[in-house]
Protein backbone atom coordinates (compact mmCIF):
# COMPACT_ATOMS: atom_id res chain seq x y z
CA MET A 1 157.36 139.61 124.63
CA ASP A 2 154.06 141.44 124.07
CA HIS A 3 155.79 144.85 124.18
CA LEU A 4 158.39 143.95 121.52
CA LYS A 5 157.36 145.51 118.23
CA LEU A 6 158.86 146.60 114.95
CA PRO A 7 160.74 148.55 113.59
CA MET A 8 164.18 147.27 114.63
CA ASN A 9 167.60 147.30 113.04
CA THR A 10 168.82 144.09 111.42
CA GLN A 11 171.04 142.80 114.22
CA THR A 12 168.53 143.59 116.97
CA PHE A 13 165.78 141.84 115.01
CA LEU A 14 167.92 138.73 114.45
CA ASP A 15 168.99 138.57 118.09
CA THR A 16 165.42 139.03 119.29
CA MET A 17 164.07 136.23 117.10
CA LYS A 18 166.88 133.86 118.15
CA GLU A 19 166.04 134.57 121.77
CA GLN A 20 162.36 133.84 121.18
CA PHE A 21 163.29 130.41 119.80
CA ASN A 22 165.87 129.72 122.55
CA GLN A 23 168.79 129.78 120.07
CA SER A 24 167.25 126.88 118.15
CA PRO A 25 169.35 125.69 115.19
CA ASP A 26 166.13 125.01 113.27
CA LEU A 27 165.40 128.73 112.88
CA VAL A 28 166.93 129.69 109.53
CA GLN A 29 167.91 133.36 109.14
CA LYS A 30 168.90 134.68 105.72
CA VAL A 31 170.01 138.32 105.26
CA PHE A 32 170.16 139.89 101.78
CA GLN A 33 171.85 143.23 101.10
CA MET A 34 170.30 144.82 98.02
CA GLU A 35 170.27 148.42 96.82
CA GLY A 36 171.42 149.66 100.21
CA GLN A 37 168.71 147.88 102.21
CA SER A 38 168.73 144.75 104.39
CA ILE A 39 166.04 142.13 103.80
CA ILE A 40 165.72 139.32 106.36
CA VAL A 41 164.00 136.01 105.59
CA LEU A 42 163.13 133.77 108.55
CA PHE A 43 161.61 130.28 108.66
CA ILE A 44 161.82 126.98 110.54
CA SER A 45 163.73 124.57 108.35
CA TYR A 46 161.48 121.49 108.56
CA GLN A 47 158.13 123.34 108.50
CA VAL A 48 158.18 125.00 105.07
CA LYS A 49 158.22 123.73 101.50
CA LYS A 50 161.77 124.57 100.46
CA ASP A 51 161.24 124.08 96.72
CA ARG A 52 158.44 126.63 96.63
CA LEU A 53 160.40 128.91 98.96
CA GLU A 54 163.31 129.01 96.52
CA ARG A 55 161.22 129.28 93.38
CA GLU A 56 158.42 131.61 94.42
CA LEU A 57 160.02 133.85 97.07
CA LEU A 58 163.80 133.93 97.08
CA GLU A 59 164.29 134.09 93.29
CA PRO A 60 161.95 137.07 92.71
CA LEU A 61 163.33 138.75 95.82
CA THR A 62 167.01 138.54 94.83
CA GLN A 63 166.57 139.28 91.12
CA SER A 64 164.96 142.69 91.59
CA ARG A 65 167.13 145.78 90.96
CA LYS A 66 164.87 148.18 92.82
CA PRO A 67 164.40 148.69 96.58
CA TRP A 68 161.60 146.65 98.10
CA THR A 69 158.68 147.80 100.25
CA ASN A 70 156.05 145.77 102.09
CA GLN A 71 153.53 146.75 99.45
CA ASP A 72 155.85 145.47 96.71
CA LEU A 73 156.25 142.17 98.56
CA GLN A 74 152.50 141.58 98.67
CA ASN A 75 151.95 142.72 95.08
CA LYS A 76 154.89 141.09 93.27
CA ILE A 77 155.60 137.86 95.17
CA PRO A 78 153.35 135.13 93.64
CA LEU A 79 152.08 133.75 96.93
CA ALA A 80 148.42 134.21 97.81
CA SER A 81 148.41 133.83 101.61
CA SER A 82 150.29 136.86 102.95
CA SER A 83 149.72 139.08 105.97
CA LYS A 84 151.48 141.82 107.92
CA GLU A 85 152.57 141.65 111.57
CA LYS A 86 154.28 144.19 113.78
CA SER A 87 154.33 142.23 117.08
CA ILE A 88 157.28 139.91 117.77
CA LYS A 89 154.89 137.57 119.62
CA LYS A 90 152.63 137.28 116.57
CA LEU A 91 155.62 136.70 114.29
CA THR A 92 156.84 133.90 116.55
CA GLU A 93 153.43 132.20 116.45
CA GLN A 94 153.32 132.53 112.66
CA LEU A 95 156.75 130.91 112.27
CA ILE A 96 155.75 128.02 114.54
CA HIS A 97 152.75 127.27 112.31
CA GLY A 98 154.78 127.06 109.09
CA ASN A 99 154.91 130.67 107.93
CA ILE A 100 157.85 132.48 106.32
CA CYS A 101 158.72 135.94 107.65
CA VAL A 102 160.20 138.65 105.38
CA TYR A 103 161.34 141.82 107.16
CA ILE A 104 162.74 144.90 105.40
CA GLU A 105 164.87 146.93 107.78
CA GLY A 106 163.17 150.17 108.74
CA GLU A 107 159.62 148.98 108.03
CA SER A 108 157.11 149.01 110.89
CA GLU A 109 155.71 145.60 109.87
CA ALA A 110 156.97 142.24 108.60
CA VAL A 111 155.28 140.30 105.82
CA THR A 112 154.48 136.61 106.40
CA TYR A 113 153.62 133.90 103.88
CA PHE A 114 151.89 130.64 104.74
CA LEU A 115 153.89 127.86 103.10
CA PRO A 116 153.77 124.84 105.46
CA GLN A 117 155.29 121.43 104.92
CA GLN A 118 152.48 119.33 106.38
CA ASP A 119 153.16 115.61 106.71
CA HIS A 120 150.10 113.57 107.58
CA ARG A 121 148.47 110.29 106.62
CA GLY A 122 145.95 110.19 103.83
CA ILE A 123 142.27 109.38 104.07
CA GLU A 124 141.92 105.73 105.03
CA ARG A 125 139.29 103.24 106.12
CA ALA A 126 137.85 103.79 109.60
CA GLU A 127 139.35 101.46 112.24
CA THR A 128 137.30 102.01 115.40
CA GLU A 129 133.90 102.36 113.67
CA SER A 130 133.59 99.77 110.93
CA LEU A 131 130.68 99.72 108.47
CA VAL A 132 129.40 97.08 106.05
CA PHE A 133 127.37 99.55 103.99
CA GLY A 134 128.10 103.18 103.28
CA PRO A 135 131.24 105.33 102.89
CA GLN A 136 134.39 103.75 104.29
CA MET A 137 136.53 106.90 104.62
CA SER A 138 137.58 108.35 107.96
CA PHE A 139 138.92 111.63 109.27
CA THR A 140 142.68 112.24 109.57
CA GLU A 141 144.93 114.27 111.89
CA SER A 142 145.04 117.14 109.36
CA LEU A 143 142.45 119.84 110.05
CA VAL A 144 142.71 121.12 106.46
CA THR A 145 141.91 117.66 105.07
CA ASN A 146 139.00 117.22 107.47
CA LEU A 147 137.57 120.63 106.55
CA ASN A 148 137.76 119.71 102.87
CA VAL A 149 135.94 116.42 103.51
CA ILE A 150 133.12 118.15 105.40
CA ARG A 151 132.81 120.92 102.81
CA TRP A 152 132.69 118.25 100.10
CA ARG A 153 129.89 116.34 101.85
CA LEU A 154 127.93 119.45 102.96
CA ASP A 155 128.16 121.52 99.80
CA THR A 156 126.09 124.50 100.94
CA GLU A 157 126.70 128.14 101.81
CA ASP A 158 124.64 127.52 104.96
CA LEU A 159 127.59 125.64 106.51
CA VAL A 160 129.39 127.58 109.27
CA MET A 161 132.88 126.72 110.53
CA GLU A 162 133.78 129.07 113.39
CA LYS A 163 137.45 129.28 114.28
CA MET A 164 138.65 129.43 117.89
CA ILE A 165 142.05 129.07 119.58
CA VAL A 166 142.31 126.97 122.76
CA GLY A 167 145.32 126.57 125.06
CA GLU A 168 147.36 129.12 126.95
CA ARG A 169 150.75 127.45 126.57
CA ILE A 170 150.31 125.26 123.48
CA LYS A 171 147.62 126.67 121.21
CA SER A 172 145.31 124.47 119.15
CA GLU A 173 142.88 125.51 116.46
CA VAL A 174 139.28 124.49 117.10
CA ARG A 175 136.38 124.70 114.65
CA ILE A 176 132.70 124.76 115.60
CA VAL A 177 130.67 123.32 112.71
CA TYR A 178 126.92 123.71 112.18
CA LEU A 179 124.25 124.66 109.65
CA LYS A 180 123.11 128.19 110.36
CA SER A 181 119.50 127.61 109.28
CA LEU A 182 119.15 124.43 111.38
CA ALA A 183 121.28 124.57 114.54
CA ASP A 184 119.63 126.01 117.63
CA GLU A 185 121.34 129.25 118.67
CA GLU A 186 121.33 128.23 122.33
CA ASN A 187 123.17 124.99 121.53
CA VAL A 188 125.74 126.86 119.43
CA GLU A 189 126.25 129.53 122.07
CA THR A 190 126.57 126.92 124.84
CA MET A 191 129.28 125.09 122.88
CA ARG A 192 131.00 128.37 122.00
CA GLN A 193 130.92 129.67 125.58
CA ARG A 194 132.25 126.45 127.13
CA ILE A 195 135.18 126.33 124.70
CA ARG A 196 135.89 130.06 125.01
CA ASP A 197 135.93 129.94 128.83
CA LEU A 198 138.44 127.08 129.04
CA LYS A 199 141.59 127.94 130.99
CA VAL A 200 143.97 125.09 130.13
CA ALA A 201 147.61 124.89 129.11
CA GLU A 202 146.89 122.67 126.10
CA VAL A 203 144.26 120.43 124.52
CA GLU A 204 145.81 117.21 123.22
CA ASP A 205 142.80 115.80 121.38
CA THR A 206 139.09 116.20 120.72
CA SER A 207 138.32 113.58 123.37
CA VAL A 208 140.17 115.71 125.94
CA LEU A 209 138.22 118.79 124.88
CA GLY A 210 134.98 116.82 125.20
CA GLN A 211 135.80 115.88 128.79
CA LEU A 212 136.54 119.52 129.60
CA ILE A 213 133.22 120.87 128.30
CA GLU A 214 130.76 118.04 129.08
CA ASP A 215 127.97 118.61 131.58
CA SER A 216 128.97 116.01 134.20
CA SER A 217 132.52 114.74 134.51
CA SER A 218 131.58 112.32 137.31
CA SER A 219 129.25 110.18 135.17
CA VAL A 220 130.55 107.04 133.49
CA PHE A 221 128.23 107.66 130.53
CA PRO A 222 129.53 109.82 127.67
CA GLN A 223 127.46 112.97 127.06
CA LEU A 224 129.06 114.02 123.76
CA LEU A 225 129.52 111.70 120.80
CA PHE A 226 132.99 111.12 119.34
CA THR A 227 133.29 109.79 115.80
CA GLU A 228 135.91 109.33 113.09
CA LEU A 229 133.31 108.85 110.34
CA PRO A 230 132.58 111.89 108.11
CA ASP A 231 129.16 110.54 107.13
CA ARG A 232 128.05 110.19 110.76
CA PHE A 233 129.38 113.65 111.59
CA CYS A 234 127.63 115.26 108.62
CA ASN A 235 124.41 113.33 109.25
CA SER A 236 124.31 114.75 112.79
CA ILE A 237 124.94 118.27 111.46
CA THR A 238 121.98 117.97 109.07
CA LYS A 239 119.78 117.06 112.05
CA GLY A 240 120.62 120.41 113.67
CA ARG A 241 123.38 119.31 116.01
CA VAL A 242 126.69 121.10 116.58
CA GLY A 243 130.08 119.58 115.74
CA VAL A 244 133.58 120.42 116.97
CA MET A 245 136.93 119.72 115.30
CA VAL A 246 140.39 120.04 116.83
CA ASP A 247 143.56 120.33 114.79
CA LYS A 248 145.80 117.23 114.86
CA SER A 249 142.91 115.02 116.01
CA PRO A 250 141.17 112.39 113.80
CA THR A 251 138.12 112.35 116.07
CA MET A 252 135.19 114.76 115.86
CA LEU A 253 132.79 115.77 118.64
CA ILE A 254 129.01 116.13 118.31
CA GLY A 255 126.37 117.49 120.68
CA PRO A 256 123.80 117.58 122.11
CA MET A 257 123.30 113.81 122.17
CA THR A 258 120.92 111.40 123.86
CA LEU A 259 121.53 107.96 125.34
CA PHE A 260 119.85 106.33 122.35
CA SER A 261 122.13 108.15 119.88
CA TYR A 262 125.02 105.93 120.99
CA PHE A 263 123.21 102.86 119.67
CA GLU A 264 122.49 104.38 116.26
CA SER A 265 124.70 103.84 113.25
CA THR A 266 124.63 105.50 109.84
CA GLU A 267 124.58 101.95 108.53
CA ASP A 268 120.94 101.81 109.70
CA LEU A 269 120.14 104.43 107.05
CA TYR A 270 121.90 102.59 104.24
CA MET A 271 119.90 99.38 104.59
CA ARG A 272 116.16 98.82 104.31
CA TRP A 273 114.10 100.37 107.10
CA ASN A 274 112.86 97.05 108.52
CA MET A 275 116.41 95.67 108.66
CA GLY A 276 117.70 98.88 110.22
CA SER A 277 114.94 98.83 112.84
CA PHE A 278 115.59 95.18 113.68
CA ILE A 279 119.33 95.74 114.19
CA ARG A 280 118.74 98.88 116.24
CA LEU A 281 116.29 97.08 118.53
CA LEU A 282 118.79 94.22 118.75
CA ARG A 283 121.40 96.64 120.08
CA PHE A 284 119.03 97.92 122.78
CA SER A 285 118.20 94.35 123.77
CA ALA A 286 121.89 93.51 123.87
CA MET A 287 122.55 96.46 126.19
CA PHE A 288 119.88 95.24 128.63
CA ILE A 289 121.17 91.65 128.42
CA SER A 290 124.74 92.79 129.06
CA ILE A 291 123.73 94.73 132.16
CA ILE A 292 121.24 92.29 133.72
CA LEU A 293 122.20 88.72 132.75
CA THR A 294 125.19 88.08 135.04
CA PRO A 295 123.61 89.84 138.09
CA MET A 296 120.46 87.74 137.61
CA TYR A 297 122.57 84.55 137.64
CA VAL A 298 124.27 85.65 140.86
CA ALA A 299 120.98 86.65 142.52
CA ALA A 300 119.22 83.41 141.52
CA LEU A 301 121.98 81.12 142.79
CA THR A 302 122.50 83.11 145.99
CA TYR A 303 118.95 83.87 147.16
CA HIS A 304 116.26 82.90 144.67
CA TYR A 305 116.48 79.20 143.80
CA GLU A 306 112.72 79.18 143.25
CA VAL A 307 113.04 81.13 139.97
CA ILE A 308 115.27 78.43 138.46
CA PRO A 309 113.38 75.68 136.56
CA SER A 310 113.68 72.32 138.27
CA SER A 311 115.09 70.68 135.13
CA LEU A 312 117.89 73.27 135.07
CA MET A 313 118.56 73.03 138.81
CA VAL A 314 120.18 69.59 138.46
CA THR A 315 122.50 70.81 135.71
CA LEU A 316 123.45 73.89 137.76
CA GLY A 317 124.12 71.77 140.83
CA GLN A 318 126.39 69.40 138.89
CA SER A 319 128.19 72.31 137.23
CA ARG A 320 128.88 74.10 140.54
CA ALA A 321 129.57 70.98 142.62
CA ASN A 322 133.34 71.51 142.63
CA VAL A 323 133.35 75.34 142.69
CA PRO A 324 134.60 76.57 146.11
CA PHE A 325 133.57 80.21 145.61
CA PRO A 326 130.18 81.87 146.13
CA PRO A 327 128.44 82.92 142.87
CA VAL A 328 129.26 86.64 143.30
CA LEU A 329 132.99 86.01 143.64
CA GLU A 330 132.92 83.48 140.81
CA ALA A 331 131.19 86.00 138.51
CA LEU A 332 133.56 88.84 139.42
CA LEU A 333 136.62 86.66 138.75
CA LEU A 334 135.37 85.71 135.29
CA GLU A 335 134.32 89.30 134.45
CA ILE A 336 137.81 90.54 135.38
CA LEU A 337 139.34 87.74 133.30
CA ILE A 338 137.28 88.80 130.26
CA GLU A 339 138.30 92.45 130.74
CA LEU A 340 141.98 91.45 130.98
CA LEU A 341 141.73 89.48 127.74
CA ARG A 342 139.96 92.35 126.01
CA GLU A 343 142.52 94.91 127.14
CA ALA A 344 145.47 92.68 126.27
CA GLY A 345 144.03 92.00 122.81
CA ALA A 346 143.55 95.73 122.19
CA ARG A 347 147.10 96.65 123.22
CA LEU A 348 148.96 93.89 121.38
CA PRO A 349 149.70 94.05 117.63
CA THR A 350 146.63 93.22 115.53
CA LYS A 351 147.43 89.63 114.55
CA VAL A 352 148.82 88.73 117.97
CA GLY A 353 145.89 90.44 119.70
CA GLN A 354 143.29 88.43 117.78
CA THR A 355 145.09 85.19 118.59
CA MET A 356 145.42 86.19 122.22
CA GLY A 357 141.71 86.92 122.52
CA ILE A 358 140.50 83.71 120.90
CA VAL A 359 143.07 81.23 122.21
CA GLY A 360 143.33 82.89 125.62
CA GLY A 361 139.56 82.82 126.11
CA ILE A 362 139.22 79.15 125.13
CA VAL A 363 142.27 77.91 127.06
CA LEU A 364 141.65 79.90 130.23
CA GLY A 365 137.92 79.14 130.22
CA GLN A 366 138.45 75.41 129.82
CA ALA A 367 141.22 75.40 132.43
CA ALA A 368 139.05 77.34 134.90
CA VAL A 369 136.24 74.79 134.59
CA GLN A 370 138.55 71.79 134.96
CA ALA A 371 140.28 73.36 137.97
CA GLY A 372 136.93 73.97 139.67
CA PHE A 373 137.17 77.75 139.71
CA THR A 374 133.93 78.28 137.79
CA SER A 375 131.03 76.49 136.12
CA ASN A 376 130.30 75.91 132.44
CA ILE A 377 127.01 77.81 132.61
CA LEU A 378 128.60 80.97 134.03
CA ILE A 379 131.21 80.98 131.25
CA ILE A 380 128.38 80.96 128.70
CA ILE A 381 126.59 83.78 130.53
CA ILE A 382 129.76 85.91 130.86
CA ALA A 383 130.63 85.39 127.20
CA LEU A 384 127.09 86.35 126.14
CA SER A 385 127.20 89.50 128.29
CA ALA A 386 130.58 90.49 126.83
CA LEU A 387 129.37 89.94 123.25
CA ALA A 388 126.23 91.99 123.95
CA SER A 389 128.30 94.95 125.19
CA PHE A 390 130.34 94.95 121.97
CA THR A 391 127.24 95.55 119.81
CA ALA A 392 127.16 99.25 120.76
CA PRO A 393 128.54 101.30 117.81
CA SER A 394 130.15 103.68 120.32
CA TYR A 395 133.24 102.26 122.06
CA LEU A 396 132.74 104.60 125.05
CA MET A 397 129.16 103.48 125.56
CA GLY A 398 130.18 99.81 125.37
CA THR A 399 132.82 100.44 128.01
CA ALA A 400 130.30 102.27 130.22
CA ILE A 401 127.94 99.28 130.06
CA ARG A 402 130.72 96.91 131.13
CA ILE A 403 131.63 99.16 134.06
CA VAL A 404 127.99 99.40 135.22
CA ARG A 405 127.81 95.60 135.32
CA PHE A 406 130.34 95.30 138.18
CA PRO A 407 128.39 97.19 140.91
CA MET A 408 125.22 95.41 139.80
CA ILE A 409 126.90 92.01 140.33
CA ILE A 410 128.06 93.08 143.80
CA LEU A 411 124.57 94.33 144.78
CA ALA A 412 122.99 91.14 143.39
CA GLY A 413 125.35 89.08 145.54
CA ALA A 414 124.54 91.21 148.62
CA TRP A 415 120.71 91.53 148.36
CA GLY A 416 119.56 89.45 145.39
CA LEU A 417 116.71 90.81 143.28
CA ILE A 418 116.26 93.68 145.74
CA GLY A 419 119.85 94.72 145.05
CA ILE A 420 119.28 94.53 141.28
CA THR A 421 116.10 96.60 141.61
CA PHE A 422 117.94 99.17 143.69
CA ALA A 423 120.81 99.31 141.15
CA LEU A 424 118.44 99.71 138.18
CA SER A 425 116.49 102.42 139.99
CA PHE A 426 119.68 104.30 140.81
CA LEU A 427 120.82 103.92 137.18
CA ILE A 428 117.56 105.32 135.81
CA ILE A 429 117.61 108.25 138.25
CA HIS A 430 121.22 108.96 137.29
CA LEU A 431 120.36 108.95 133.58
CA LEU A 432 117.33 111.18 134.17
CA LYS A 433 119.62 113.76 135.80
CA GLN A 434 122.17 113.74 132.97
CA LYS A 435 122.24 116.41 130.29
CA SER A 436 124.14 116.98 127.07
CA LEU A 437 124.82 120.66 126.39
CA GLY A 438 121.99 121.34 128.82
CA ARG A 439 119.52 119.13 126.91
CA PRO A 440 117.76 116.01 128.37
CA TYR A 441 119.90 112.90 128.03
CA LEU A 442 116.99 110.41 128.00
CA ALA A 443 114.99 112.09 125.22
CA PRO A 444 112.63 111.02 123.68
CA ILE A 445 111.64 108.88 126.70
CA TYR A 446 111.99 111.87 129.03
CA PRO A 447 110.55 114.26 128.13
CA LEU A 448 108.25 111.98 126.14
CA SER A 449 108.17 112.64 122.39
CA LEU A 450 106.58 109.84 120.38
CA ARG A 451 107.57 111.51 117.10
CA ASP A 452 111.26 111.11 117.96
CA PHE A 453 110.96 107.34 118.45
CA ASN A 454 111.56 107.03 114.72
CA ASP A 455 115.03 108.57 114.97
CA SER A 456 116.04 106.83 118.19
CA ILE A 457 114.27 103.54 119.01
CA PHE A 458 113.55 102.34 115.47
CA ARG A 459 113.56 103.59 111.88
CA LEU A 460 110.58 104.11 109.60
CA PRO A 461 110.67 104.33 105.79
CA PHE A 462 112.05 107.60 104.44
CA GLN A 463 108.59 108.50 103.09
CA LYS A 464 107.36 108.71 106.69
CA ASN A 465 110.53 110.19 108.14
CA THR A 466 109.73 113.80 107.25
CA ARG A 467 110.68 115.50 110.54
CA ARG A 468 114.01 116.10 112.21
CA PRO A 469 114.47 114.82 115.80
CA LEU A 470 113.29 117.37 118.36
CA SER A 471 116.07 116.37 120.79
CA ALA A 472 118.55 118.35 118.64
CA MET A 473 116.27 121.44 118.86
CA PRO A 474 116.52 122.25 115.12
CA LYS A 475 115.16 125.57 113.86
CA ASP A 476 113.54 123.86 110.87
CA LYS A 477 111.79 120.74 112.17
CA GLN A 478 110.44 119.67 108.77
CA ARG A 479 112.79 117.81 106.41
CA TYR A 480 110.39 117.85 103.47
CA SER A 481 106.69 117.75 102.68
CA ASN A 482 104.93 114.62 103.88
CA LYS A 483 102.42 114.87 101.05
CA LYS A 484 104.99 115.13 98.26
CA SER A 485 107.08 112.30 99.69
CA HIS A 486 104.30 109.84 98.79
CA GLU A 487 103.86 111.02 95.21
CA HIS A 488 104.90 108.58 92.48
CA LYS A 489 105.20 109.91 88.96
CA ASP A 490 105.62 106.87 86.78
CA VAL A 491 106.18 107.06 83.07
CA ASP A 492 102.89 107.00 81.17
CA PRO A 493 103.10 104.06 78.72
CA SER A 494 100.64 105.75 76.37
């Protein structure tokens, strides 16, 4: 198909285009004979706006009494987005994306007009990342709409939106978004090179693209952040990070990221600094509780009775008197039960899913205790661990924490506190080795940067938050003057 080029006679051109579309009935071919010349109009029936096609293209075209040329088409047809193509392959791609092709027999090029009929949902409230404070809008599946939202929020000529095409069989438009004066050139080039070097048939979604370009595909921890919130995306861009958008995907990708970035929320910025810091520290505590609480229960009841207070030992003994399983098996059964309830609730319709999660958890938990499969105390511990994992603003990070808990329970049942220590050591070593776009994943802990604690571990007042996080490697590290941020110019009553 690459060698097929214009000019062609009318019949050859029509036959060639039909063959390219496998004789599809959706390809509309209109031939007009005017002033001794043949003019062919091609388009896919359901991909163009027919009212504008009739009014702005066909009427001016058929009412003229003079022969047409390509230059006349571009000058006299009142449509702004026009281009010329001589390759049949390029014409085919243009038609697929909602263009109209006008070919005058004998010309060496065809003129195309972009007039797509794009059906997509409007801007709605975010579903997977809910906020109490701040903007409630989310991205959509329309790349044009998403670009408008970002341009509206980042109203500066410094904003760069590089266009790339990914996919050898089914092509998708990809945009790399960053602020030229802030984003580190190495980060931008790393993102650009990884996307450019992809050899894949198609990219279904931004999340698929993220898996293809991340540093380590074997790790359970996400290395690039996915979000559907425009404010979180734009906030990351203003810190010097690089964003990626994929057409037909409502999710955006951001990098480089650190482990602590997945526990941040833009909501922390919209509330007072002490409240934001408290909630952020609460999320970190919840992550540790979710990982360690159930394994500690298993280790204590299997090997380390001495760490259990004597007053609690009697209650534990009575609770587990009728349980026939060892603590490790008991914990694994309940963890699997919780995961089944969570997955069933997520897949069922919203109202049914909520009922399934609440009623199913209560009924099955009570039945398990009465049947002697588990103890009351373990149900409380499992429920607390599950709740703690849901506090992570990132769904992928919450899932990673729940997955990590399973091998820790098994090691706790095999070797007690030694097994937990071994698992935690392995986890820390694994996280130390991880990178995001080649940048350290555990920053600002490793390498140590006390200045970045403000943007990761806690949040200080805006008057003291005058520097951008170094983990993003911004060109301009200073947000604004620290001295001027403390100036107060009150109205003089005199």
